[in-house]
Amino acid sequence: MGVTRSDIFTDEQNKIAAIAKVIGHPARVAILQHLLKVQECICGDLVDVIGLAQPTISQHLKEMKNIDLISGHIDGTKVCYCINVKTYKQIAKTFNKIFGMDLNIKSSC
């Protein structure tokens, strides 16, 4: 497989692609939905809610933290996670630029 030519795309296109890659996994979508639903920091209950092993959940959380979509803080022996509201709103705004466009396509495709 060839090397991705990210250098020929804009910074915004590369950023959108990185975000899409992270949220393109159903486990991460489930984690995001759960965090949005509870609207608070959660610690260990993701394993029970999502149904995946702790190391797998941790890997998904790491990917989400890498794009700053979630943040975590230590609470005793646990790490608690919540949505990074600023980043979430930026991502929503970015995707709304693409998917919020009014389509007036008169093509027969």
PDB file of N, CA and C in Angstrom:
ATOM      1  N   MET A   1       0.834  -1.168   0.000  1.00  0.00           N
ATOM      2  CA  MET A   1       0.000   0.000   0.000  1.00  0.00           C
ATOM      3  C   MET A   1       0.885   1.239   0.000  1.00  0.00           C
ATOM      4  N   GLY A   2       0.489   2.247  -0.741  1.00  0.00           N
ATOM      5  CA  GLY A   2       1.278   3.457  -0.888  1.00  0.00           C
ATOM      6  C   GLY A   2       1.198   4.369   0.320  1.00  0.00           C
ATOM      7  N   VAL A   3       2.092   5.326   0.339  1.00  0.00           N
ATOM      8  CA  VAL A   3       2.135   6.308   1.407  1.00  0.00           C
ATOM      9  C   VAL A   3       1.062   7.358   1.149  1.00  0.00           C
ATOM     10  N   THR A   4       0.359   7.766   2.193  1.00  0.00           N
ATOM     11  CA  THR A   4      -0.651   8.801   2.067  1.00  0.00           C
ATOM     12  C   THR A   4       0.016  10.130   1.759  1.00  0.00           C
ATOM     13  N   ARG A   5      -0.491  10.828   0.783  1.00  0.00           N
ATOM     14  CA  ARG A   5       0.072  12.107   0.362  1.00  0.00           C
ATOM     15  C   ARG A   5      -0.635  13.254   1.071  1.00  0.00           C
ATOM     16  N   SER A   6      -0.554  13.298   2.377  1.00  0.00           N
ATOM     17  CA  SER A   6      -1.247  14.328   3.141  1.00  0.00           C
ATOM     18  C   SER A   6      -0.702  15.722   2.849  1.00  0.00           C
ATOM     19  N   ASP A   7       0.515  15.800   2.334  1.00  0.00           N
ATOM     20  CA  ASP A   7       1.120  17.106   2.066  1.00  0.00           C
ATOM     21  C   ASP A   7       0.440  17.860   0.917  1.00  0.00           C
ATOM     22  N   ILE A   8      -0.336  17.170   0.098  1.00  0.00           N
ATOM     23  CA  ILE A   8      -1.000  17.856  -1.016  1.00  0.00           C
ATOM     24  C   ILE A   8      -2.375  18.395  -0.630  1.00  0.00           C
ATOM     25  N   PHE A   9      -2.777  18.169   0.624  1.00  0.00           N
ATOM     26  CA  PHE A   9      -4.074  18.628   1.105  1.00  0.00           C
ATOM     27  C   PHE A   9      -3.886  19.763   2.103  1.00  0.00           C
ATOM     28  N   THR A  10      -4.928  20.548   2.293  1.00  0.00           N
ATOM     29  CA  THR A  10      -4.844  21.665   3.226  1.00  0.00           C
ATOM     30  C   THR A  10      -4.790  21.148   4.663  1.00  0.00           C
ATOM     31  N   ASP A  11      -4.358  22.021   5.562  1.00  0.00           N
ATOM     32  CA  ASP A  11      -4.336  21.667   6.982  1.00  0.00           C
ATOM     33  C   ASP A  11      -5.743  21.301   7.456  1.00  0.00           C
ATOM     34  N   GLU A  12      -6.742  22.057   6.989  1.00  0.00           N
ATOM     35  CA  GLU A  12      -8.120  21.784   7.392  1.00  0.00           C
ATOM     36  C   GLU A  12      -8.577  20.414   6.890  1.00  0.00           C
ATOM     37  N   GLN A  13      -8.237  20.062   5.658  1.00  0.00           N
ATOM     38  CA  GLN A  13      -8.618  18.754   5.119  1.00  0.00           C
ATOM     39  C   GLN A  13      -7.951  17.632   5.901  1.00  0.00           C
ATOM     40  N   ASN A  14      -6.697  17.800   6.235  1.00  0.00           N
ATOM     41  CA  ASN A  14      -5.996  16.787   7.022  1.00  0.00           C
ATOM     42  C   ASN A  14      -6.582  16.669   8.425  1.00  0.00           C
ATOM     43  N   LYS A  15      -6.960  17.807   9.009  1.00  0.00           N
ATOM     44  CA  LYS A  15      -7.554  17.791  10.346  1.00  0.00           C
ATOM     45  C   LYS A  15      -8.905  17.086  10.326  1.00  0.00           C
ATOM     46  N   ILE A  16      -9.725  17.403   9.337  1.00  0.00           N
ATOM     47  CA  ILE A  16     -11.037  16.755   9.214  1.00  0.00           C
ATOM     48  C   ILE A  16     -10.870  15.254   9.035  1.00  0.00           C
ATOM     49  N   ALA A  17      -9.911  14.845   8.226  1.00  0.00           N
ATOM     50  CA  ALA A  17      -9.663  13.419   8.002  1.00  0.00           C
ATOM     51  C   ALA A  17      -9.224  12.725   9.291  1.00  0.00           C
ATOM     52  N   ALA A  18      -8.391  13.390  10.079  1.00  0.00           N
ATOM     53  CA  ALA A  18      -7.930  12.810  11.350  1.00  0.00           C
ATOM     54  C   ALA A  18      -9.099  12.638  12.315  1.00  0.00           C
ATOM     55  N   ILE A  19      -9.957  13.639  12.368  1.00  0.00           N
ATOM     56  CA  ILE A  19     -11.138  13.558  13.238  1.00  0.00           C
ATOM     57  C   ILE A  19     -12.057  12.441  12.780  1.00  0.00           C
ATOM     58  N   ALA A  20     -12.292  12.379  11.469  1.00  0.00           N
ATOM     59  CA  ALA A  20     -13.173  11.349  10.915  1.00  0.00           C
ATOM     60  C   ALA A  20     -12.625   9.955  11.203  1.00  0.00           C
ATOM     61  N   LYS A  21     -11.321   9.816  11.137  1.00  0.00           N
ATOM     62  CA  LYS A  21     -10.705   8.515  11.422  1.00  0.00           C
ATOM     63  C   LYS A  21     -10.961   8.104  12.869  1.00  0.00           C
ATOM     64  N   VAL A  22     -10.842   9.053  13.785  1.00  0.00           N
ATOM     65  CA  VAL A  22     -11.045   8.745  15.198  1.00  0.00           C
ATOM     66  C   VAL A  22     -12.506   8.395  15.474  1.00  0.00           C
ATOM     67  N   ILE A  23     -13.434   9.185  14.964  1.00  0.00           N
ATOM     68  CA  ILE A  23     -14.845   8.919  15.259  1.00  0.00           C
ATOM     69  C   ILE A  23     -15.451   7.916  14.285  1.00  0.00           C
ATOM     70  N   GLY A  24     -14.617   7.364  13.417  1.00  0.00           N
ATOM     71  CA  GLY A  24     -15.090   6.388  12.448  1.00  0.00           C
ATOM     72  C   GLY A  24     -15.160   4.966  12.979  1.00  0.00           C
ATOM     73  N   HIS A  25     -14.916   4.772  14.243  1.00  0.00           N
ATOM     74  CA  HIS A  25     -15.001   3.437  14.846  1.00  0.00           C
ATOM     75  C   HIS A  25     -16.251   3.382  15.719  1.00  0.00           C
ATOM     76  N   PRO A  26     -17.063   2.341  15.578  1.00  0.00           N
ATOM     77  CA  PRO A  26     -18.318   2.284  16.338  1.00  0.00           C
ATOM     78  C   PRO A  26     -18.144   2.309  17.854  1.00  0.00           C
ATOM     79  N   ALA A  27     -17.057   1.777  18.366  1.00  0.00           N
ATOM     80  CA  ALA A  27     -16.835   1.822  19.814  1.00  0.00           C
ATOM     81  C   ALA A  27     -16.630   3.262  20.270  1.00  0.00           C
ATOM     82  N   ARG A  28     -15.921   4.043  19.465  1.00  0.00           N
ATOM     83  CA  ARG A  28     -15.685   5.443  19.824  1.00  0.00           C
ATOM     84  C   ARG A  28     -16.964   6.259  19.700  1.00  0.00           C
ATOM     85  N   VAL A  29     -17.785   5.926  18.733  1.00  0.00           N
ATOM     86  CA  VAL A  29     -19.091   6.581  18.611  1.00  0.00           C
ATOM     87  C   VAL A  29     -19.924   6.276  19.852  1.00  0.00           C
ATOM     88  N   ALA A  30     -19.906   5.023  20.289  1.00  0.00           N
ATOM     89  CA  ALA A  30     -20.653   4.628  21.490  1.00  0.00           C
ATOM     90  C   ALA A  30     -20.126   5.351  22.726  1.00  0.00           C
ATOM     91  N   ILE A  31     -18.820   5.464  22.840  1.00  0.00           N
ATOM     92  CA  ILE A  31     -18.227   6.178  23.977  1.00  0.00           C
ATOM     93  C   ILE A  31     -18.655   7.643  23.937  1.00  0.00           C
ATOM     94  N   LEU A  32     -18.558   8.255  22.775  1.00  0.00           N
ATOM     95  CA  LEU A  32     -18.954   9.654  22.625  1.00  0.00           C
ATOM     96  C   LEU A  32     -20.427   9.847  22.969  1.00  0.00           C
ATOM     97  N   GLN A  33     -21.275   8.981  22.453  1.00  0.00           N
ATOM     98  CA  GLN A  33     -22.706   9.077  22.752  1.00  0.00           C
ATOM     99  C   GLN A  33     -22.975   8.935  24.246  1.00  0.00           C
ATOM    100  N   HIS A  34     -22.268   8.025  24.886  1.00  0.00           N
ATOM    101  CA  HIS A  34     -22.468   7.826  26.325  1.00  0.00           C
ATOM    102  C   HIS A  34     -22.025   9.067  27.108  1.00  0.00           C
ATOM    103  N   LEU A  35     -20.874   9.610  26.756  1.00  0.00           N
ATOM    104  CA  LEU A  35     -20.395  10.800  27.452  1.00  0.00           C
ATOM    105  C   LEU A  35     -21.341  11.978  27.247  1.00  0.00           C
ATOM    106  N   LEU A  36     -21.891  12.097  26.053  1.00  0.00           N
ATOM    107  CA  LEU A  36     -22.853  13.170  25.783  1.00  0.00           C
ATOM    108  C   LEU A  36     -24.153  12.953  26.559  1.00  0.00           C
ATOM    109  N   LYS A  37     -24.537  11.696  26.686  1.00  0.00           N
ATOM    110  CA  LYS A  37     -25.786  11.374  27.386  1.00  0.00           C
ATOM    111  C   LYS A  37     -25.691  11.665  28.878  1.00  0.00           C
ATOM    112  N   VAL A  38     -24.606  11.254  29.497  1.00  0.00           N
ATOM    113  CA  VAL A  38     -24.487  11.427  30.943  1.00  0.00           C
ATOM    114  C   VAL A  38     -24.059  12.843  31.328  1.00  0.00           C
ATOM    115  N   GLN A  39     -23.439  13.547  30.404  1.00  0.00           N
ATOM    116  CA  GLN A  39     -23.009  14.935  30.598  1.00  0.00           C
ATOM    117  C   GLN A  39     -22.212  15.146  31.875  1.00  0.00           C
ATOM    118  N   GLU A  40     -21.391  14.190  32.188  1.00  0.00           N
ATOM    119  CA  GLU A  40     -20.511  14.335  33.340  1.00  0.00           C
ATOM    120  C   GLU A  40     -19.312  13.432  33.140  1.00  0.00           C
ATOM    121  N   CYS A  41     -18.328  13.627  33.974  1.00  0.00           N
ATOM    122  CA  CYS A  41     -17.156  12.765  33.899  1.00  0.00           C
ATOM    123  C   CYS A  41     -17.503  11.382  34.422  1.00  0.00           C
ATOM    124  N   ILE A  42     -16.990  10.398  33.737  1.00  0.00           N
ATOM    125  CA  ILE A  42     -17.227   9.021  34.157  1.00  0.00           C
ATOM    126  C   ILE A  42     -15.892   8.325  34.339  1.00  0.00           C
ATOM    127  N   CYS A  43     -15.878   7.350  35.189  1.00  0.00           N
ATOM    128  CA  CYS A  43     -14.622   6.648  35.450  1.00  0.00           C
ATOM    129  C   CYS A  43     -14.637   5.242  34.862  1.00  0.00           C
ATOM    130  N   GLY A  44     -15.021   4.274  35.624  1.00  0.00           N
ATOM    131  CA  GLY A  44     -14.874   2.891  35.206  1.00  0.00           C
ATOM    132  C   GLY A  44     -16.057   2.258  34.525  1.00  0.00           C
ATOM    133  N   ASP A  45     -17.163   2.943  34.405  1.00  0.00           N
ATOM    134  CA  ASP A  45     -18.365   2.287  33.902  1.00  0.00           C
ATOM    135  C   ASP A  45     -18.401   2.100  32.386  1.00  0.00           C
ATOM    136  N   LEU A  46     -17.433   2.619  31.661  1.00  0.00           N
ATOM    137  CA  LEU A  46     -17.424   2.432  30.200  1.00  0.00           C
ATOM    138  C   LEU A  46     -17.289   0.962  29.813  1.00  0.00           C
ATOM    139  N   VAL A  47     -16.550   0.214  30.587  1.00  0.00           N
ATOM    140  CA  VAL A  47     -16.393  -1.216  30.293  1.00  0.00           C
ATOM    141  C   VAL A  47     -17.747  -1.903  30.341  1.00  0.00           C
ATOM    142  N   ASP A  48     -18.533  -1.594  31.358  1.00  0.00           N
ATOM    143  CA  ASP A  48     -19.859  -2.203  31.490  1.00  0.00           C
ATOM    144  C   ASP A  48     -20.823  -1.685  30.426  1.00  0.00           C
ATOM    145  N   VAL A  49     -20.777  -0.403  30.158  1.00  0.00           N
ATOM    146  CA  VAL A  49     -21.717   0.213  29.211  1.00  0.00           C
ATOM    147  C   VAL A  49     -21.427  -0.219  27.778  1.00  0.00           C
ATOM    148  N   ILE A  50     -20.167  -0.189  27.375  1.00  0.00           N
ATOM    149  CA  ILE A  50     -19.787  -0.486  25.987  1.00  0.00           C
ATOM    150  C   ILE A  50     -19.660  -1.988  25.754  1.00  0.00           C
ATOM    151  N   GLY A  51     -19.197  -2.709  26.766  1.00  0.00           N
ATOM    152  CA  GLY A  51     -19.089  -4.161  26.631  1.00  0.00           C
ATOM    153  C   GLY A  51     -17.770  -4.648  26.052  1.00  0.00           C
ATOM    154  N   LEU A  52     -16.755  -3.804  26.109  1.00  0.00           N
ATOM    155  CA  LEU A  52     -15.425  -4.204  25.646  1.00  0.00           C
ATOM    156  C   LEU A  52     -14.482  -4.292  26.838  1.00  0.00           C
ATOM    157  N   ALA A  53     -13.361  -4.972  26.650  1.00  0.00           N
ATOM    158  CA  ALA A  53     -12.372  -5.129  27.713  1.00  0.00           C
ATOM    159  C   ALA A  53     -11.732  -3.782  28.057  1.00  0.00           C
ATOM    160  N   GLN A  54     -11.265  -3.655  29.288  1.00  0.00           N
ATOM    161  CA  GLN A  54     -10.646  -2.417  29.752  1.00  0.00           C
ATOM    162  C   GLN A  54      -9.498  -1.951  28.857  1.00  0.00           C
ATOM    163  N   PRO A  55      -8.567  -2.835  28.447  1.00  0.00           N
ATOM    164  CA  PRO A  55      -7.481  -2.359  27.576  1.00  0.00           C
ATOM    165  C   PRO A  55      -7.994  -1.815  26.232  1.00  0.00           C
ATOM    166  N   THR A  56      -9.057  -2.409  25.717  1.00  0.00           N
ATOM    167  CA  THR A  56      -9.631  -1.944  24.463  1.00  0.00           C
ATOM    168  C   THR A  56     -10.269  -0.573  24.649  1.00  0.00           C
ATOM    169  N   ILE A  57     -11.016  -0.409  25.711  1.00  0.00           N
ATOM    170  CA  ILE A  57     -11.620   0.886  26.028  1.00  0.00           C
ATOM    171  C   ILE A  57     -10.520   1.931  26.192  1.00  0.00           C
ATOM    172  N   SER A  58      -9.475   1.588  26.887  1.00  0.00           N
ATOM    173  CA  SER A  58      -8.365   2.526  27.104  1.00  0.00           C
ATOM    174  C   SER A  58      -7.739   2.971  25.785  1.00  0.00           C
ATOM    175  N   GLN A  59      -7.593   2.053  24.856  1.00  0.00           N
ATOM    176  CA  GLN A  59      -7.023   2.401  23.556  1.00  0.00           C
ATOM    177  C   GLN A  59      -7.943   3.366  22.803  1.00  0.00           C
ATOM    178  N   HIS A  60      -9.237   3.115  22.850  1.00  0.00           N
ATOM    179  CA  HIS A  60     -10.187   4.013  22.193  1.00  0.00           C
ATOM    180  C   HIS A  60     -10.182   5.395  22.849  1.00  0.00           C
ATOM    181  N   LEU A  61     -10.116   5.428  24.173  1.00  0.00           N
ATOM    182  CA  LEU A  61     -10.054   6.701  24.880  1.00  0.00           C
ATOM    183  C   LEU A  61      -8.787   7.473  24.516  1.00  0.00           C
ATOM    184  N   LYS A  62      -7.691   6.752  24.356  1.00  0.00           N
ATOM    185  CA  LYS A  62      -6.423   7.378  23.971  1.00  0.00           C
ATOM    186  C   LYS A  62      -6.552   8.061  22.616  1.00  0.00           C
ATOM    187  N   GLU A  63      -7.170   7.388  21.663  1.00  0.00           N
ATOM    188  CA  GLU A  63      -7.354   7.967  20.332  1.00  0.00           C
ATOM    189  C   GLU A  63      -8.234   9.218  20.394  1.00  0.00           C
ATOM    190  N   MET A  64      -9.247   9.182  21.219  1.00  0.00           N
ATOM    191  CA  MET A  64     -10.136  10.328  21.368  1.00  0.00           C
ATOM    192  C   MET A  64      -9.423  11.479  22.077  1.00  0.00           C
ATOM    193  N   LYS A  65      -8.555  11.155  23.017  1.00  0.00           N
ATOM    194  CA  LYS A  65      -7.779  12.191  23.705  1.00  0.00           C
ATOM    195  C   LYS A  65      -6.753  12.815  22.760  1.00  0.00           C
ATOM    196  N   ASN A  66      -6.231  12.022  21.825  1.00  0.00           N
ATOM    197  CA  ASN A  66      -5.225  12.532  20.890  1.00  0.00           C
ATOM    198  C   ASN A  66      -5.744  13.692  20.043  1.00  0.00           C
ATOM    199  N   ILE A  67      -7.045  13.724  19.767  1.00  0.00           N
ATOM    200  CA  ILE A  67      -7.604  14.847  19.013  1.00  0.00           C
ATOM    201  C   ILE A  67      -8.279  15.838  19.956  1.00  0.00           C
ATOM    202  N   ASP A  68      -8.099  15.646  21.255  1.00  0.00           N
ATOM    203  CA  ASP A  68      -8.610  16.536  22.297  1.00  0.00           C
ATOM    204  C   ASP A  68     -10.134  16.558  22.374  1.00  0.00           C
ATOM    205  N   LEU A  69     -10.777  15.490  21.877  1.00  0.00           N
ATOM    206  CA  LEU A  69     -12.237  15.400  21.932  1.00  0.00           C
ATOM    207  C   LEU A  69     -12.718  15.143  23.354  1.00  0.00           C
ATOM    208  N   ILE A  70     -11.917  14.420  24.106  1.00  0.00           N
ATOM    209  CA  ILE A  70     -12.233  14.162  25.511  1.00  0.00           C
ATOM    210  C   ILE A  70     -11.035  14.570  26.351  1.00  0.00           C
ATOM    211  N   SER A  71     -11.302  14.769  27.609  1.00  0.00           N
ATOM    212  CA  SER A  71     -10.211  15.035  28.541  1.00  0.00           C
ATOM    213  C   SER A  71     -10.383  14.106  29.726  1.00  0.00           C
ATOM    214  N   GLY A  72      -9.304  13.888  30.421  1.00  0.00           N
ATOM    215  CA  GLY A  72      -9.347  13.006  31.574  1.00  0.00           C
ATOM    216  C   GLY A  72      -8.579  13.604  32.731  1.00  0.00           C
ATOM    217  N   HIS A  73      -9.043  13.291  33.906  1.00  0.00           N
ATOM    218  CA  HIS A  73      -8.311  13.717  35.097  1.00  0.00           C
ATOM    219  C   HIS A  73      -8.308  12.572  36.099  1.00  0.00           C
ATOM    220  N   ILE A  74      -7.292  12.569  36.925  1.00  0.00           N
ATOM    221  CA  ILE A  74      -7.127  11.501  37.904  1.00  0.00           C
ATOM    222  C   ILE A  74      -7.947  11.831  39.142  1.00  0.00           C
ATOM    223  N   ASP A  75      -8.707  10.830  39.571  1.00  0.00           N
ATOM    224  CA  ASP A  75      -9.529  10.951  40.776  1.00  0.00           C
ATOM    225  C   ASP A  75      -9.201   9.754  41.651  1.00  0.00           C
ATOM    226  N   GLY A  76      -8.235   9.933  42.523  1.00  0.00           N
ATOM    227  CA  GLY A  76      -7.773   8.808  43.347  1.00  0.00           C
ATOM    228  C   GLY A  76      -7.029   7.807  42.485  1.00  0.00           C
ATOM    229  N   THR A  77      -7.566   6.587  42.411  1.00  0.00           N
ATOM    230  CA  THR A  77      -6.935   5.548  41.596  1.00  0.00           C
ATOM    231  C   THR A  77      -7.606   5.414  40.229  1.00  0.00           C
ATOM    232  N   LYS A  78      -8.563   6.271  39.941  1.00  0.00           N
ATOM    233  CA  LYS A  78      -9.299   6.200  38.688  1.00  0.00           C
ATOM    234  C   LYS A  78      -9.001   7.410  37.814  1.00  0.00           C
ATOM    235  N   VAL A  79      -9.203   7.232  36.516  1.00  0.00           N
ATOM    236  CA  VAL A  79      -9.149   8.352  35.586  1.00  0.00           C
ATOM    237  C   VAL A  79     -10.571   8.599  35.115  1.00  0.00           C
ATOM    238  N   CYS A  80     -11.026   9.820  35.247  1.00  0.00           N
ATOM    239  CA  CYS A  80     -12.381  10.188  34.849  1.00  0.00           C
ATOM    240  C   CYS A  80     -12.327  10.939  33.526  1.00  0.00           C
ATOM    241  N   TYR A  81     -13.279  10.650  32.648  1.00  0.00           N
ATOM    242  CA  TYR A  81     -13.299  11.240  31.318  1.00  0.00           C
ATOM    243  C   TYR A  81     -14.568  12.037  31.093  1.00  0.00           C
ATOM    244  N   CYS A  82     -14.434  13.105  30.307  1.00  0.00           N
ATOM    245  CA  CYS A  82     -15.588  13.894  29.909  1.00  0.00           C
ATOM    246  C   CYS A  82     -15.298  14.542  28.550  1.00  0.00           C
ATOM    247  N   ILE A  83     -16.346  15.062  27.948  1.00  0.00           N
ATOM    248  CA  ILE A  83     -16.230  15.735  26.667  1.00  0.00           C
ATOM    249  C   ILE A  83     -15.478  17.048  26.848  1.00  0.00           C
ATOM    250  N   ASN A  84     -14.544  17.329  25.945  1.00  0.00           N
ATOM    251  CA  ASN A  84     -13.914  18.633  25.906  1.00  0.00           C
ATOM    252  C   ASN A  84     -14.857  19.513  25.077  1.00  0.00           C
ATOM    253  N   VAL A  85     -15.629  20.330  25.746  1.00  0.00           N
ATOM    254  CA  VAL A  85     -16.708  21.087  25.109  1.00  0.00           C
ATOM    255  C   VAL A  85     -16.183  21.987  23.996  1.00  0.00           C
ATOM    256  N   LYS A  86     -15.076  22.648  24.221  1.00  0.00           N
ATOM    257  CA  LYS A  86     -14.517  23.557  23.213  1.00  0.00           C
ATOM    258  C   LYS A  86     -14.184  22.788  21.927  1.00  0.00           C
ATOM    259  N   THR A  87     -13.496  21.682  22.064  1.00  0.00           N
ATOM    260  CA  THR A  87     -13.136  20.881  20.892  1.00  0.00           C
ATOM    261  C   THR A  87     -14.372  20.290  20.234  1.00  0.00           C
ATOM    262  N   TYR A  88     -15.316  19.814  21.038  1.00  0.00           N
ATOM    263  CA  TYR A  88     -16.552  19.243  20.499  1.00  0.00           C
ATOM    264  C   TYR A  88     -17.273  20.266  19.625  1.00  0.00           C
ATOM    265  N   LYS A  89     -17.378  21.493  20.110  1.00  0.00           N
ATOM    266  CA  LYS A  89     -18.056  22.543  19.348  1.00  0.00           C
ATOM    267  C   LYS A  89     -17.296  22.891  18.074  1.00  0.00           C
ATOM    268  N   GLN A  90     -15.953  22.895  18.144  1.00  0.00           N
ATOM    269  CA  GLN A  90     -15.145  23.160  16.947  1.00  0.00           C
ATOM    270  C   GLN A  90     -15.344  22.070  15.902  1.00  0.00           C
ATOM    271  N   ILE A  91     -15.375  20.812  16.357  1.00  0.00           N
ATOM    272  CA  ILE A  91     -15.583  19.691  15.433  1.00  0.00           C
ATOM    273  C   ILE A  91     -16.966  19.786  14.809  1.00  0.00           C
ATOM    274  N   ALA A  92     -17.972  20.069  15.619  1.00  0.00           N
ATOM    275  CA  ALA A  92     -19.337  20.200  15.099  1.00  0.00           C
ATOM    276  C   ALA A  92     -19.406  21.315  14.056  1.00  0.00           C
ATOM    277  N   LYS A  93     -18.776  22.431  14.344  1.00  0.00           N
ATOM    278  CA  LYS A  93     -18.769  23.562  13.410  1.00  0.00           C
ATOM    279  C   LYS A  93     -18.064  23.185  12.105  1.00  0.00           C
ATOM    280  N   THR A  94     -16.949  22.485  12.210  1.00  0.00           N
ATOM    281  CA  THR A  94     -16.193  22.069  11.031  1.00  0.00           C
ATOM    282  C   THR A  94     -17.014  21.129  10.154  1.00  0.00           C
ATOM    283  N   PHE A  95     -17.655  20.139  10.772  1.00  0.00           N
ATOM    284  CA  PHE A  95     -18.446  19.193   9.994  1.00  0.00           C
ATOM    285  C   PHE A  95     -19.726  19.832   9.452  1.00  0.00           C
ATOM    286  N   ASN A  96     -20.252  20.813  10.177  1.00  0.00           N
ATOM    287  CA  ASN A  96     -21.432  21.524   9.676  1.00  0.00           C
ATOM    288  C   ASN A  96     -21.108  22.342   8.430  1.00  0.00           C
ATOM    289  N   LYS A  97     -19.860  22.800   8.306  1.00  0.00           N
ATOM    290  CA  LYS A  97     -19.453  23.510   7.089  1.00  0.00           C
ATOM    291  C   LYS A  97     -19.607  22.601   5.865  1.00  0.00           C
ATOM    292  N   ILE A  98     -19.294  21.341   6.053  1.00  0.00           N
ATOM    293  CA  ILE A  98     -19.366  20.388   4.940  1.00  0.00           C
ATOM    294  C   ILE A  98     -20.792  19.880   4.763  1.00  0.00           C
ATOM    295  N   PHE A  99     -21.367  19.338   5.812  1.00  0.00           N
ATOM    296  CA  PHE A  99     -22.666  18.674   5.710  1.00  0.00           C
ATOM    297  C   PHE A  99     -23.843  19.628   5.867  1.00  0.00           C
ATOM    298  N   GLY A 100     -23.567  20.882   6.179  1.00  0.00           N
ATOM    299  CA  GLY A 100     -24.633  21.856   6.300  1.00  0.00           C
ATOM    300  C   GLY A 100     -24.852  22.670   5.027  1.00  0.00           C
ATOM    301  N   MET A 101     -24.102  22.341   3.993  1.00  0.00           N
ATOM    302  CA  MET A 101     -24.235  23.083   2.739  1.00  0.00           C
ATOM    303  C   MET A 101     -25.571  22.771   2.080  1.00  0.00           C
ATOM    304  N   ASP A 102     -26.162  23.785   1.524  1.00  0.00           N
ATOM    305  CA  ASP A 102     -27.417  23.625   0.800  1.00  0.00           C
ATOM    306  C   ASP A 102     -27.087  23.037  -0.562  1.00  0.00           C
ATOM    307  N   LEU A 103     -27.657  21.907  -0.868  1.00  0.00           N
ATOM    308  CA  LEU A 103     -27.387  21.247  -2.146  1.00  0.00           C
ATOM    309  C   LEU A 103     -28.480  21.587  -3.165  1.00  0.00           C
ATOM    310  N   ASN A 104     -28.064  22.200  -4.208  1.00  0.00           N
ATOM    311  CA  ASN A 104     -28.963  22.504  -5.311  1.00  0.00           C
ATOM    312  C   ASN A 104     -28.455  21.791  -6.557  1.00  0.00           C
ATOM    313  N   ILE A 105     -28.253  20.508  -6.405  1.00  0.00           N
ATOM    314  CA  ILE A 105     -27.706  19.712  -7.496  1.00  0.00           C
ATOM    315  C   ILE A 105     -28.821  19.345  -8.461  1.00  0.00           C
ATOM    316  N   LYS A 106     -28.557  19.633  -9.706  1.00  0.00           N
ATOM    317  CA  LYS A 106     -29.543  19.322 -10.731  1.00  0.00           C
ATOM    318  C   LYS A 106     -28.994  18.258 -11.676  1.00  0.00           C
ATOM    319  N   SER A 107     -28.216  17.374 -11.104  1.00  0.00           N
ATOM    320  CA  SER A 107     -27.594  16.318 -11.884  1.00  0.00           C
ATOM    321  C   SER A 107     -28.477  15.076 -11.900  1.00  0.00           C
ATOM    322  N   SER A 108     -28.291  14.281 -12.904  1.00  0.00           N
ATOM    323  CA  SER A 108     -29.068  13.043 -12.993  1.00  0.00           C
ATOM    324  C   SER A 108     -28.240  11.833 -12.565  1.00  0.00           C
ATOM    325  N   CYS A 109     -27.175  12.058 -11.831  1.00  0.00           N
ATOM    326  CA  CYS A 109     -26.314  10.948 -11.379  1.00  0.00           C
ATOM    327  C   CYS A 109     -27.051  10.037 -10.436  1.00  0.00           C
TER     328      CYS A 109
END
